């Protein structure tokens, strides 16, 4: 079985699948693709031009949520989707909240403004614009996630699920931009971020990134 993850490690969606593969102990190859300057034939692999794409032998699967579900089917252990229908739906909802809520705010408004755009263009970081997003747009999202965690270690049940991986992945980009969930304001999410990013799977993907673009990286106390 040949497995290839196609995309950039800076992407939270690519990172999500990287973590799924590592948590399941699956051997895979990484095929770097910059979505801003992809290969000429990339649309043959990813019709929407998005990352990640995933190759299993000669078959292609697209979209991070679809890929994650696919991997859980071909390698059921450890299961990242609860067996209970409601808990499974809740796990997928939290994942979608991260994909459709967190990423659009953290990505363009904070990570790109403070890290990616300056790195790619040499422009000065947009500190003022990013701070406005941090002050106005980010808190409701972090507040919701903090409430959903309550006193639990995981978002759903008592074991790791796609919900936890889906949330923790874009929080890496937030930390790369120098921002973490405030410990006093969102204590559950702060502790969750610290726990998740300390896992071996996350450390394996975080360490190479911080060596390259970790100038603003924030440690968690």
N, C-alpha and C. Protein backbone atom coordinates (compact mmCIF):
# COMPACT_ATOMS: atom_id res chain seq x y z
N UNK A 1 0.85 -1.20 0.00
CA UNK A 1 0.00 0.00 0.00
C UNK A 1 0.88 1.24 0.00
N UNK A 2 0.73 2.08 -1.00
CA UNK A 2 1.50 3.32 -1.13
C UNK A 2 0.60 4.51 -0.82
N UNK A 3 1.00 5.31 0.16
CA UNK A 3 0.23 6.47 0.58
C UNK A 3 1.06 7.73 0.42
N UNK A 4 0.48 8.75 -0.21
CA UNK A 4 1.20 10.00 -0.44
C UNK A 4 0.31 11.17 -0.06
N UNK A 5 0.82 12.02 0.83
CA UNK A 5 0.13 13.24 1.23
C UNK A 5 0.69 14.40 0.41
N UNK A 6 -0.19 15.08 -0.31
CA UNK A 6 0.22 16.12 -1.25
C UNK A 6 -0.19 17.48 -0.71
N UNK A 7 0.78 18.38 -0.54
CA UNK A 7 0.46 19.71 -0.04
C UNK A 7 1.64 20.35 0.66
N UNK A 8 1.35 21.36 1.47
CA UNK A 8 2.39 22.09 2.20
C UNK A 8 2.18 21.92 3.71
N UNK A 9 3.25 21.69 4.46
CA UNK A 9 3.11 21.51 5.91
C UNK A 9 2.65 22.77 6.63
N UNK A 10 2.68 23.91 5.96
CA UNK A 10 2.20 25.15 6.58
C UNK A 10 0.67 25.16 6.65
N UNK A 11 0.03 24.42 5.77
CA UNK A 11 -1.44 24.38 5.72
C UNK A 11 -2.01 23.60 6.90
N UNK A 12 -2.98 24.16 7.62
CA UNK A 12 -3.60 23.41 8.71
C UNK A 12 -4.37 22.20 8.21
N UNK A 13 -4.87 22.26 6.98
CA UNK A 13 -5.61 21.12 6.43
C UNK A 13 -4.66 19.97 6.10
N UNK A 14 -3.51 20.29 5.54
CA UNK A 14 -2.49 19.27 5.29
C UNK A 14 -2.00 18.71 6.62
N UNK A 15 -1.79 19.59 7.58
CA UNK A 15 -1.32 19.15 8.91
C UNK A 15 -2.32 18.20 9.55
N UNK A 16 -3.59 18.47 9.39
CA UNK A 16 -4.62 17.60 9.97
C UNK A 16 -4.44 16.17 9.47
N UNK A 17 -4.23 16.01 8.17
CA UNK A 17 -4.06 14.66 7.62
C UNK A 17 -2.72 14.06 8.02
N UNK A 18 -1.70 14.88 8.09
CA UNK A 18 -0.40 14.40 8.57
C UNK A 18 -0.55 13.80 9.97
N UNK A 19 -1.28 14.49 10.84
CA UNK A 19 -1.48 14.01 12.21
C UNK A 19 -2.29 12.72 12.21
N UNK A 20 -3.34 12.66 11.40
CA UNK A 20 -4.14 11.44 11.32
C UNK A 20 -3.25 10.26 10.93
N UNK A 21 -2.42 10.44 9.92
CA UNK A 21 -1.52 9.38 9.47
C UNK A 21 -0.56 8.95 10.58
N UNK A 22 -0.01 9.93 11.28
CA UNK A 22 0.93 9.62 12.36
C UNK A 22 0.24 8.93 13.52
N UNK A 23 -0.94 9.39 13.89
CA UNK A 23 -1.66 8.77 15.00
C UNK A 23 -2.04 7.33 14.68
N UNK A 24 -2.28 7.04 13.41
CA UNK A 24 -2.63 5.69 13.00
C UNK A 24 -1.42 4.83 12.68
N UNK A 25 -0.23 5.43 12.74
CA UNK A 25 0.98 4.67 12.49
C UNK A 25 1.14 4.22 11.05
N UNK A 26 0.58 4.97 10.11
CA UNK A 26 0.66 4.61 8.70
C UNK A 26 1.90 5.22 8.05
N UNK A 27 2.61 4.43 7.29
CA UNK A 27 3.76 4.92 6.54
C UNK A 27 3.27 5.67 5.30
N UNK A 28 3.84 6.83 5.05
CA UNK A 28 3.43 7.62 3.90
C UNK A 28 4.57 8.49 3.43
N UNK A 29 4.44 8.97 2.22
CA UNK A 29 5.39 9.93 1.67
C UNK A 29 4.72 11.30 1.59
N UNK A 30 5.50 12.34 1.73
CA UNK A 30 5.00 13.70 1.58
C UNK A 30 5.46 14.26 0.24
N UNK A 31 4.53 14.81 -0.50
CA UNK A 31 4.82 15.41 -1.80
C UNK A 31 4.52 16.91 -1.71
N UNK A 32 5.54 17.76 -1.58
CA UNK A 32 5.30 19.18 -1.38
C UNK A 32 4.64 19.84 -2.59
N UNK A 33 3.62 20.62 -2.34
CA UNK A 33 2.98 21.44 -3.37
C UNK A 33 2.62 22.78 -2.75
N UNK A 34 3.08 23.85 -3.37
CA UNK A 34 2.71 25.20 -2.96
C UNK A 34 1.42 25.58 -3.69
N UNK A 35 0.31 25.77 -2.97
CA UNK A 35 -0.95 26.06 -3.67
C UNK A 35 -0.95 27.39 -4.39
N UNK A 36 -0.03 28.28 -4.03
CA UNK A 36 0.05 29.58 -4.69
C UNK A 36 0.82 29.50 -6.02
N UNK A 37 1.63 28.46 -6.18
CA UNK A 37 2.32 28.24 -7.46
C UNK A 37 2.42 26.73 -7.70
N UNK A 38 1.28 26.10 -7.93
CA UNK A 38 1.26 24.64 -8.08
C UNK A 38 1.83 24.20 -9.43
N UNK A 39 2.14 22.92 -9.55
CA UNK A 39 2.56 22.39 -10.86
C UNK A 39 1.46 22.59 -11.91
N UNK A 40 1.86 22.63 -13.15
CA UNK A 40 0.90 22.90 -14.23
C UNK A 40 -0.23 21.87 -14.28
N UNK A 41 0.07 20.64 -13.91
CA UNK A 41 -0.94 19.59 -14.00
C UNK A 41 -1.64 19.31 -12.67
N UNK A 42 -1.52 20.23 -11.72
CA UNK A 42 -2.05 19.95 -10.38
C UNK A 42 -3.56 19.79 -10.38
N UNK A 43 -4.26 20.49 -11.29
CA UNK A 43 -5.73 20.38 -11.34
C UNK A 43 -6.18 18.97 -11.73
N UNK A 44 -5.30 18.22 -12.34
CA UNK A 44 -5.64 16.83 -12.65
C UNK A 44 -5.71 16.00 -11.36
N UNK A 45 -4.93 16.42 -10.37
CA UNK A 45 -4.95 15.74 -9.08
C UNK A 45 -5.98 16.35 -8.15
N UNK A 46 -6.03 17.68 -8.12
CA UNK A 46 -6.96 18.40 -7.24
C UNK A 46 -7.80 19.34 -8.11
N UNK A 47 -9.00 18.95 -8.49
CA UNK A 47 -9.80 19.74 -9.44
C UNK A 47 -10.07 21.17 -8.97
N UNK A 48 -10.12 21.40 -7.66
CA UNK A 48 -10.34 22.76 -7.16
C UNK A 48 -9.03 23.49 -6.87
N UNK A 49 -7.93 22.82 -7.10
CA UNK A 49 -6.63 23.44 -6.87
C UNK A 49 -6.28 23.61 -5.41
N UNK A 50 -6.93 22.84 -4.54
CA UNK A 50 -6.71 22.99 -3.10
C UNK A 50 -5.86 21.85 -2.55
N UNK A 51 -5.26 22.11 -1.39
CA UNK A 51 -4.52 21.08 -0.67
C UNK A 51 -5.21 20.83 0.67
N UNK A 52 -5.09 19.59 1.17
CA UNK A 52 -4.30 18.49 0.63
C UNK A 52 -5.05 17.71 -0.44
N UNK A 53 -4.26 16.99 -1.22
CA UNK A 53 -4.76 15.87 -2.00
C UNK A 53 -4.05 14.63 -1.46
N UNK A 54 -4.62 13.49 -1.73
CA UNK A 54 -4.06 12.27 -1.15
C UNK A 54 -4.09 11.16 -2.20
N UNK A 55 -2.96 10.48 -2.33
CA UNK A 55 -2.85 9.40 -3.30
C UNK A 55 -2.68 8.07 -2.56
N UNK A 56 -3.60 7.15 -2.82
CA UNK A 56 -3.51 5.79 -2.29
C UNK A 56 -3.29 4.86 -3.47
N UNK A 57 -2.06 4.38 -3.62
CA UNK A 57 -1.67 3.65 -4.82
C UNK A 57 -1.95 4.54 -6.04
N UNK A 58 -2.89 4.16 -6.89
CA UNK A 58 -3.17 4.98 -8.06
C UNK A 58 -4.51 5.71 -7.94
N UNK A 59 -5.05 5.78 -6.73
CA UNK A 59 -6.33 6.44 -6.50
C UNK A 59 -6.13 7.76 -5.77
N UNK A 60 -6.91 8.77 -6.13
CA UNK A 60 -6.80 10.10 -5.54
C UNK A 60 -8.03 10.40 -4.70
N UNK A 61 -7.80 10.94 -3.50
CA UNK A 61 -8.87 11.42 -2.63
C UNK A 61 -8.59 12.88 -2.32
N UNK A 62 -9.64 13.73 -2.36
CA UNK A 62 -9.47 15.15 -2.11
C UNK A 62 -10.29 15.61 -0.91
N UNK A 63 -9.89 16.76 -0.35
CA UNK A 63 -10.53 17.43 0.78
C UNK A 63 -10.13 16.76 2.09
N UNK A 64 -9.65 17.57 3.03
CA UNK A 64 -9.09 17.02 4.27
C UNK A 64 -10.10 16.20 5.06
N UNK A 65 -11.35 16.65 5.13
CA UNK A 65 -12.35 15.90 5.89
C UNK A 65 -12.67 14.57 5.23
N UNK A 66 -12.74 14.56 3.91
CA UNK A 66 -12.99 13.32 3.17
C UNK A 66 -11.81 12.37 3.33
N UNK A 67 -10.60 12.92 3.24
CA UNK A 67 -9.40 12.10 3.38
C UNK A 67 -9.33 11.47 4.77
N UNK A 68 -9.61 12.28 5.80
CA UNK A 68 -9.55 11.76 7.17
C UNK A 68 -10.53 10.61 7.37
N UNK A 69 -11.74 10.76 6.84
CA UNK A 69 -12.75 9.69 6.95
C UNK A 69 -12.30 8.46 6.17
N UNK A 70 -11.69 8.69 5.03
CA UNK A 70 -11.18 7.58 4.21
C UNK A 70 -10.11 6.80 4.97
N UNK A 71 -9.19 7.52 5.60
CA UNK A 71 -8.12 6.86 6.35
C UNK A 71 -8.66 6.08 7.52
N UNK A 72 -9.73 6.58 8.14
CA UNK A 72 -10.32 5.87 9.26
C UNK A 72 -10.99 4.58 8.81
N UNK A 73 -11.38 4.55 7.56
CA UNK A 73 -11.99 3.32 7.02
C UNK A 73 -10.93 2.29 6.63
N UNK A 74 -9.83 2.76 6.04
CA UNK A 74 -8.83 1.77 5.61
C UNK A 74 -7.95 1.32 6.77
N UNK A 75 -7.87 2.15 7.84
CA UNK A 75 -7.14 1.76 9.05
C UNK A 75 -7.99 2.17 10.26
N UNK A 76 -8.86 1.28 10.73
CA UNK A 76 -9.83 1.64 11.77
C UNK A 76 -9.23 1.89 13.15
N UNK A 77 -7.98 1.49 13.38
CA UNK A 77 -7.39 1.62 14.71
C UNK A 77 -6.16 2.52 14.70
N UNK A 78 -6.09 3.44 15.64
CA UNK A 78 -7.16 3.83 16.58
C UNK A 78 -8.26 4.60 15.86
N UNK A 79 -9.49 4.36 16.26
CA UNK A 79 -10.63 5.02 15.64
C UNK A 79 -10.65 6.50 16.00
N UNK A 80 -10.81 7.35 14.99
CA UNK A 80 -10.88 8.79 15.23
C UNK A 80 -12.29 9.34 15.09
N UNK A 81 -13.24 8.44 14.84
CA UNK A 81 -14.66 8.81 14.77
C UNK A 81 -15.41 7.91 15.74
N UNK A 82 -16.12 8.47 16.71
CA UNK A 82 -16.83 7.64 17.69
C UNK A 82 -17.84 6.71 17.04
N UNK A 83 -18.08 5.59 17.69
CA UNK A 83 -19.06 4.63 17.17
C UNK A 83 -20.50 5.10 17.41
N UNK A 84 -20.72 5.85 18.47
CA UNK A 84 -22.05 6.38 18.74
C UNK A 84 -22.42 7.42 17.68
N UNK A 85 -23.59 7.32 17.05
CA UNK A 85 -23.93 8.24 15.95
C UNK A 85 -23.92 9.72 16.36
N UNK A 86 -24.45 10.03 17.54
CA UNK A 86 -24.48 11.43 17.94
C UNK A 86 -23.07 11.95 18.23
N UNK A 87 -22.27 11.14 18.93
CA UNK A 87 -20.90 11.58 19.22
C UNK A 87 -20.08 11.71 17.95
N UNK A 88 -20.33 10.83 16.97
CA UNK A 88 -19.63 10.95 15.68
C UNK A 88 -20.03 12.25 14.99
N UNK A 89 -21.33 12.56 15.01
CA UNK A 89 -21.79 13.81 14.41
C UNK A 89 -21.19 15.01 15.12
N UNK A 90 -21.10 14.94 16.43
CA UNK A 90 -20.52 16.05 17.20
C UNK A 90 -19.04 16.23 16.86
N UNK A 91 -18.32 15.12 16.73
CA UNK A 91 -16.89 15.20 16.38
C UNK A 91 -16.71 15.84 15.01
N UNK A 92 -17.56 15.46 14.06
CA UNK A 92 -17.46 16.03 12.72
C UNK A 92 -17.89 17.49 12.70
N UNK A 93 -18.82 17.85 13.58
CA UNK A 93 -19.22 19.27 13.67
C UNK A 93 -18.07 20.12 14.21
N UNK A 94 -17.41 19.65 15.26
CA UNK A 94 -16.29 20.42 15.81
C UNK A 94 -15.19 20.55 14.77
N UNK A 95 -14.95 19.47 14.02
CA UNK A 95 -13.98 19.55 12.93
C UNK A 95 -14.39 20.61 11.91
N UNK A 96 -15.67 20.61 11.54
CA UNK A 96 -16.17 21.59 10.57
C UNK A 96 -16.10 23.00 11.13
N UNK A 97 -16.36 23.16 12.43
CA UNK A 97 -16.24 24.48 13.05
C UNK A 97 -14.82 25.01 12.92
N UNK A 98 -13.84 24.11 13.09
CA UNK A 98 -12.45 24.52 12.92
C UNK A 98 -12.15 24.85 11.47
N UNK A 99 -12.58 23.96 10.55
CA UNK A 99 -12.31 24.17 9.12
C UNK A 99 -12.99 25.43 8.58
N UNK A 100 -14.26 25.60 8.94
CA UNK A 100 -15.04 26.70 8.36
C UNK A 100 -15.09 27.95 9.20
N UNK A 101 -14.68 27.85 10.48
CA UNK A 101 -14.72 29.00 11.37
C UNK A 101 -13.34 29.50 11.77
N UNK A 102 -12.54 28.63 12.36
CA UNK A 102 -11.21 29.03 12.81
C UNK A 102 -10.27 29.37 11.66
N UNK A 103 -10.17 28.45 10.70
CA UNK A 103 -9.18 28.64 9.63
C UNK A 103 -9.39 29.93 8.84
N UNK A 104 -10.63 30.29 8.45
CA UNK A 104 -10.80 31.53 7.69
C UNK A 104 -10.44 32.79 8.47
N UNK A 105 -10.46 32.71 9.80
CA UNK A 105 -10.07 33.86 10.61
C UNK A 105 -8.57 33.85 10.88
N UNK A 106 -8.06 32.71 11.35
CA UNK A 106 -6.63 32.62 11.67
C UNK A 106 -5.78 32.76 10.41
N UNK A 107 -6.22 32.14 9.32
CA UNK A 107 -5.40 32.13 8.10
C UNK A 107 -5.17 33.50 7.51
N UNK A 108 -6.16 34.08 6.83
CA UNK A 108 -5.95 35.38 6.18
C UNK A 108 -5.70 36.53 7.15
N UNK A 109 -6.47 36.55 8.23
CA UNK A 109 -6.45 37.72 9.10
C UNK A 109 -5.28 37.81 10.04
N UNK A 110 -4.70 36.66 10.41
CA UNK A 110 -3.63 36.66 11.42
C UNK A 110 -2.35 36.04 10.87
N UNK A 111 -2.40 34.76 10.47
CA UNK A 111 -1.19 34.07 10.04
C UNK A 111 -0.61 34.67 8.76
N UNK A 112 -1.45 34.90 7.77
CA UNK A 112 -0.93 35.50 6.53
C UNK A 112 -0.44 36.91 6.76
N UNK A 113 -1.18 37.67 7.57
CA UNK A 113 -0.81 39.07 7.80
C UNK A 113 0.50 39.21 8.55
N UNK A 114 0.76 38.29 9.48
CA UNK A 114 1.93 38.44 10.34
C UNK A 114 3.11 37.56 9.95
N UNK A 115 2.85 36.44 9.26
CA UNK A 115 3.92 35.48 8.98
C UNK A 115 4.09 35.22 7.48
N UNK A 116 3.03 34.75 6.84
CA UNK A 116 3.18 34.23 5.48
C UNK A 116 3.46 35.33 4.46
N UNK A 117 2.66 36.40 4.47
CA UNK A 117 2.84 37.46 3.49
C UNK A 117 4.20 38.15 3.64
N UNK A 118 4.62 38.49 4.87
CA UNK A 118 5.97 39.05 5.00
C UNK A 118 7.07 38.10 4.51
N UNK A 119 6.89 36.80 4.77
CA UNK A 119 7.89 35.83 4.34
C UNK A 119 7.96 35.73 2.82
N UNK A 120 6.80 35.80 2.17
CA UNK A 120 6.75 35.60 0.72
C UNK A 120 7.06 36.87 -0.07
N UNK A 121 6.73 38.02 0.48
CA UNK A 121 6.86 39.27 -0.28
C UNK A 121 7.89 40.24 0.29
N UNK A 122 8.31 40.01 1.53
CA UNK A 122 9.21 40.95 2.17
C UNK A 122 8.52 42.16 2.75
N UNK A 123 7.18 42.18 2.69
CA UNK A 123 6.41 43.30 3.25
C UNK A 123 6.46 43.26 4.78
N UNK A 124 6.19 44.39 5.38
CA UNK A 124 6.11 44.46 6.83
C UNK A 124 4.84 43.74 7.31
N UNK A 125 4.90 43.09 8.46
CA UNK A 125 3.69 42.47 9.01
C UNK A 125 2.59 43.51 9.24
N UNK A 126 1.36 43.11 8.96
CA UNK A 126 0.22 44.00 9.19
C UNK A 126 -0.24 43.85 10.64
N UNK A 127 0.51 44.46 11.53
CA UNK A 127 0.24 44.32 12.96
C UNK A 127 -1.13 44.89 13.33
N UNK A 128 -1.47 46.03 12.79
CA UNK A 128 -2.73 46.68 13.13
C UNK A 128 -3.93 45.87 12.64
N UNK A 129 -3.85 45.43 11.39
CA UNK A 129 -4.96 44.65 10.85
C UNK A 129 -5.13 43.34 11.58
N UNK A 130 -4.01 42.66 11.88
CA UNK A 130 -4.09 41.39 12.59
C UNK A 130 -4.64 41.58 14.00
N UNK A 131 -4.23 42.66 14.66
CA UNK A 131 -4.70 42.88 16.03
C UNK A 131 -6.21 43.11 16.07
N UNK A 132 -6.73 43.74 15.05
CA UNK A 132 -8.19 43.95 14.97
C UNK A 132 -8.91 42.61 14.88
N UNK A 133 -8.36 41.69 14.07
CA UNK A 133 -8.95 40.35 13.96
C UNK A 133 -8.83 39.61 15.29
N UNK A 134 -7.67 39.72 15.93
CA UNK A 134 -7.44 39.05 17.22
C UNK A 134 -8.40 39.56 18.28
N UNK A 135 -8.67 40.85 18.26
CA UNK A 135 -9.54 41.45 19.28
C UNK A 135 -11.02 41.24 19.00
N UNK A 136 -11.42 41.22 17.73
CA UNK A 136 -12.84 41.23 17.39
C UNK A 136 -13.37 39.90 16.87
N UNK A 137 -12.64 39.27 15.97
CA UNK A 137 -13.16 38.08 15.28
C UNK A 137 -12.79 36.77 15.96
N UNK A 138 -11.63 36.73 16.58
CA UNK A 138 -11.15 35.48 17.16
C UNK A 138 -11.85 35.09 18.48
N UNK A 139 -12.10 36.03 19.40
CA UNK A 139 -12.65 35.65 20.70
C UNK A 139 -13.93 34.83 20.68
N UNK A 140 -14.94 35.16 19.84
CA UNK A 140 -16.14 34.32 19.85
C UNK A 140 -15.86 32.86 19.48
N UNK A 141 -14.92 32.64 18.58
CA UNK A 141 -14.57 31.29 18.17
C UNK A 141 -13.87 30.54 19.29
N UNK A 142 -12.90 31.19 19.93
CA UNK A 142 -12.19 30.55 21.03
C UNK A 142 -13.12 30.33 22.21
N UNK A 143 -14.03 31.27 22.43
CA UNK A 143 -14.98 31.12 23.53
C UNK A 143 -15.89 29.93 23.33
N UNK A 144 -16.37 29.73 22.13
CA UNK A 144 -17.23 28.58 21.84
C UNK A 144 -16.48 27.28 22.09
N UNK A 145 -15.25 27.19 21.60
CA UNK A 145 -14.47 25.97 21.77
C UNK A 145 -14.17 25.72 23.24
N UNK A 146 -13.87 26.76 23.98
CA UNK A 146 -13.61 26.61 25.41
C UNK A 146 -14.85 26.06 26.12
N UNK A 147 -16.02 26.57 25.76
CA UNK A 147 -17.27 26.08 26.35
C UNK A 147 -17.51 24.61 25.99
N UNK A 148 -17.21 24.23 24.76
CA UNK A 148 -17.44 22.86 24.32
C UNK A 148 -16.52 21.87 25.03
N UNK A 149 -15.33 22.31 25.37
CA UNK A 149 -14.42 21.44 26.12
C UNK A 149 -14.87 21.26 27.56
N UNK A 150 -15.33 22.34 28.16
CA UNK A 150 -15.71 22.34 29.58
C UNK A 150 -14.54 21.77 30.40
N UNK A 151 -14.79 20.70 31.14
CA UNK A 151 -13.74 20.11 31.96
C UNK A 151 -13.12 18.87 31.32
N UNK A 152 -13.47 18.61 30.06
CA UNK A 152 -12.99 17.40 29.42
C UNK A 152 -11.60 17.53 28.85
N UNK A 153 -10.94 16.39 28.72
CA UNK A 153 -9.62 16.38 28.09
C UNK A 153 -9.74 16.45 26.58
N UNK A 154 -10.83 15.84 26.06
CA UNK A 154 -11.09 15.81 24.62
C UNK A 154 -12.45 16.44 24.33
N UNK A 155 -12.67 16.81 23.07
CA UNK A 155 -13.94 17.43 22.72
C UNK A 155 -15.11 16.44 22.77
N UNK A 156 -14.83 15.19 22.44
CA UNK A 156 -15.89 14.18 22.39
C UNK A 156 -15.41 12.92 23.10
N UNK A 157 -16.15 12.48 24.09
CA UNK A 157 -15.80 11.24 24.78
C UNK A 157 -14.51 11.36 25.56
N UNK A 158 -13.87 10.21 25.73
CA UNK A 158 -12.66 10.16 26.55
C UNK A 158 -11.43 9.71 25.75
N UNK A 159 -11.45 9.92 24.45
CA UNK A 159 -10.29 9.57 23.63
C UNK A 159 -10.16 10.55 22.47
N UNK A 160 -8.98 10.55 21.87
CA UNK A 160 -8.69 11.45 20.74
C UNK A 160 -9.64 11.18 19.59
N UNK A 161 -10.14 12.25 18.99
CA UNK A 161 -11.00 12.12 17.81
C UNK A 161 -10.60 13.17 16.77
N UNK A 162 -11.26 13.09 15.63
CA UNK A 162 -11.00 14.06 14.56
C UNK A 162 -11.31 15.47 15.02
N UNK A 163 -12.21 15.62 15.99
CA UNK A 163 -12.51 16.95 16.53
C UNK A 163 -11.26 17.59 17.13
N UNK A 164 -10.53 16.83 17.92
CA UNK A 164 -9.34 17.36 18.59
C UNK A 164 -8.25 17.71 17.58
N UNK A 165 -8.04 16.82 16.62
CA UNK A 165 -7.02 17.07 15.59
C UNK A 165 -7.43 18.26 14.74
N UNK A 166 -8.73 18.34 14.40
CA UNK A 166 -9.21 19.44 13.56
C UNK A 166 -9.04 20.80 14.20
N UNK A 167 -9.21 20.88 15.52
CA UNK A 167 -9.05 22.16 16.22
C UNK A 167 -7.58 22.46 16.47
N UNK A 168 -6.82 21.47 16.90
CA UNK A 168 -5.42 21.72 17.27
C UNK A 168 -4.55 22.08 16.08
N UNK A 169 -4.93 21.64 14.88
CA UNK A 169 -4.10 21.92 13.70
C UNK A 169 -4.02 23.41 13.35
N UNK A 170 -5.15 24.14 13.22
CA UNK A 170 -5.03 25.57 12.95
C UNK A 170 -4.47 26.37 14.13
N UNK A 171 -4.57 25.83 15.35
CA UNK A 171 -3.98 26.54 16.48
C UNK A 171 -2.46 26.57 16.40
N UNK A 172 -1.87 25.67 15.60
CA UNK A 172 -0.43 25.76 15.33
C UNK A 172 -0.14 27.04 14.56
N UNK A 173 -0.94 27.35 13.56
CA UNK A 173 -0.75 28.59 12.80
C UNK A 173 -0.93 29.81 13.68
N UNK A 174 -1.86 29.73 14.63
CA UNK A 174 -2.06 30.84 15.55
C UNK A 174 -0.82 31.06 16.39
N UNK A 175 -0.23 29.99 16.89
CA UNK A 175 0.99 30.12 17.70
C UNK A 175 2.16 30.62 16.86
N UNK A 176 2.21 30.20 15.59
CA UNK A 176 3.26 30.70 14.70
C UNK A 176 3.16 32.21 14.50
N UNK A 177 1.94 32.74 14.65
CA UNK A 177 1.73 34.19 14.53
C UNK A 177 1.92 34.91 15.87
N UNK A 178 2.26 34.16 16.91
CA UNK A 178 2.53 34.78 18.20
C UNK A 178 1.33 34.92 19.10
N UNK A 179 0.29 34.11 18.85
CA UNK A 179 -0.96 34.23 19.61
C UNK A 179 -1.34 32.86 20.17
N UNK A 180 -1.80 32.84 21.42
CA UNK A 180 -2.31 31.61 22.02
C UNK A 180 -3.62 31.92 22.73
N UNK A 181 -4.49 30.93 22.92
CA UNK A 181 -5.69 31.16 23.73
C UNK A 181 -5.29 31.59 25.15
N UNK A 182 -5.82 32.71 25.57
CA UNK A 182 -5.45 33.26 26.87
C UNK A 182 -5.81 32.29 28.00
N UNK A 183 -4.85 32.02 28.89
CA UNK A 183 -5.06 31.03 29.95
C UNK A 183 -6.13 31.45 30.93
N UNK A 184 -6.25 32.75 31.21
CA UNK A 184 -7.26 33.21 32.16
C UNK A 184 -8.64 33.30 31.52
N UNK A 185 -8.69 33.67 30.26
CA UNK A 185 -9.98 33.86 29.59
C UNK A 185 -10.56 32.55 29.06
N UNK A 186 -9.70 31.67 28.54
CA UNK A 186 -10.14 30.40 27.97
C UNK A 186 -9.26 29.27 28.52
N UNK A 187 -9.38 28.98 29.81
CA UNK A 187 -8.47 28.02 30.45
C UNK A 187 -8.54 26.62 29.86
N UNK A 188 -9.73 26.16 29.51
CA UNK A 188 -9.85 24.80 28.98
C UNK A 188 -9.16 24.69 27.62
N UNK A 189 -9.34 25.69 26.77
CA UNK A 189 -8.73 25.66 25.44
C UNK A 189 -7.22 25.86 25.52
N UNK A 190 -6.78 26.68 26.45
CA UNK A 190 -5.34 26.87 26.66
C UNK A 190 -4.70 25.54 27.04
N UNK A 191 -5.30 24.84 28.01
CA UNK A 191 -4.75 23.56 28.46
C UNK A 191 -4.82 22.52 27.34
N UNK A 192 -5.91 22.53 26.59
CA UNK A 192 -6.05 21.61 25.46
C UNK A 192 -4.94 21.83 24.44
N UNK A 193 -4.69 23.08 24.09
CA UNK A 193 -3.65 23.40 23.11
C UNK A 193 -2.30 22.89 23.58
N UNK A 194 -2.01 23.12 24.85
CA UNK A 194 -0.73 22.66 25.41
C UNK A 194 -0.63 21.13 25.34
N UNK A 195 -1.70 20.43 25.71
CA UNK A 195 -1.68 18.96 25.68
C UNK A 195 -1.52 18.43 24.26
N UNK A 196 -2.33 18.96 23.35
CA UNK A 196 -2.33 18.44 21.99
C UNK A 196 -1.01 18.69 21.29
N UNK A 197 -0.49 19.89 21.43
CA UNK A 197 0.75 20.22 20.73
C UNK A 197 1.97 19.53 21.33
N UNK A 198 1.80 18.95 22.53
CA UNK A 198 2.88 18.19 23.15
C UNK A 198 2.86 16.72 22.72
N UNK A 199 1.79 16.28 22.03
CA UNK A 199 1.74 14.90 21.56
C UNK A 199 2.86 14.64 20.56
N UNK A 200 3.33 13.40 20.51
CA UNK A 200 4.43 13.06 19.61
C UNK A 200 4.08 13.39 18.16
N UNK A 201 2.83 13.13 17.77
CA UNK A 201 2.43 13.39 16.38
C UNK A 201 2.54 14.86 16.04
N UNK A 202 2.07 15.73 16.94
CA UNK A 202 2.16 17.16 16.67
C UNK A 202 3.59 17.66 16.74
N UNK A 203 4.36 17.15 17.69
CA UNK A 203 5.75 17.57 17.77
C UNK A 203 6.51 17.23 16.50
N UNK A 204 6.15 16.10 15.88
CA UNK A 204 6.83 15.69 14.66
C UNK A 204 6.59 16.66 13.51
N UNK A 205 5.42 17.31 13.49
CA UNK A 205 5.14 18.25 12.41
C UNK A 205 5.44 19.70 12.80
N UNK A 206 5.38 20.00 14.10
CA UNK A 206 5.64 21.37 14.55
C UNK A 206 7.12 21.72 14.49
N UNK A 207 7.97 20.79 14.93
CA UNK A 207 9.40 21.10 15.04
C UNK A 207 10.02 21.58 13.74
N UNK A 208 9.80 20.91 12.60
CA UNK A 208 10.40 21.40 11.35
C UNK A 208 9.86 22.77 10.94
N UNK A 209 8.58 23.02 11.23
CA UNK A 209 7.99 24.31 10.84
C UNK A 209 8.58 25.45 11.66
N UNK A 210 8.69 25.25 12.96
CA UNK A 210 9.19 26.33 13.82
C UNK A 210 10.65 26.64 13.52
N UNK A 211 11.39 25.64 13.06
CA UNK A 211 12.78 25.92 12.68
C UNK A 211 12.84 26.85 11.49
N UNK A 212 11.81 26.80 10.63
CA UNK A 212 11.83 27.63 9.43
C UNK A 212 11.12 28.95 9.58
N UNK A 213 9.94 28.94 10.22
CA UNK A 213 9.15 30.18 10.31
C UNK A 213 8.63 30.40 11.73
N UNK A 214 9.44 30.05 12.71
CA UNK A 214 8.99 30.12 14.10
C UNK A 214 9.44 31.35 14.86
N UNK A 215 9.74 32.42 14.16
CA UNK A 215 10.26 33.61 14.84
C UNK A 215 9.28 34.16 15.87
N UNK A 216 7.98 34.06 15.61
CA UNK A 216 6.97 34.60 16.52
C UNK A 216 6.35 33.52 17.40
N UNK A 217 6.83 32.29 17.29
CA UNK A 217 6.23 31.17 18.02
C UNK A 217 6.16 31.45 19.52
N UNK A 218 5.03 31.09 20.11
CA UNK A 218 4.80 31.32 21.54
C UNK A 218 4.80 30.01 22.28
N UNK A 219 5.62 29.92 23.31
CA UNK A 219 5.60 28.76 24.18
C UNK A 219 4.42 28.84 25.14
N UNK A 220 3.93 27.70 25.56
CA UNK A 220 2.80 27.64 26.48
C UNK A 220 3.29 27.27 27.86
N UNK A 221 2.92 28.08 28.83
CA UNK A 221 3.34 27.84 30.21
C UNK A 221 2.29 27.03 30.97
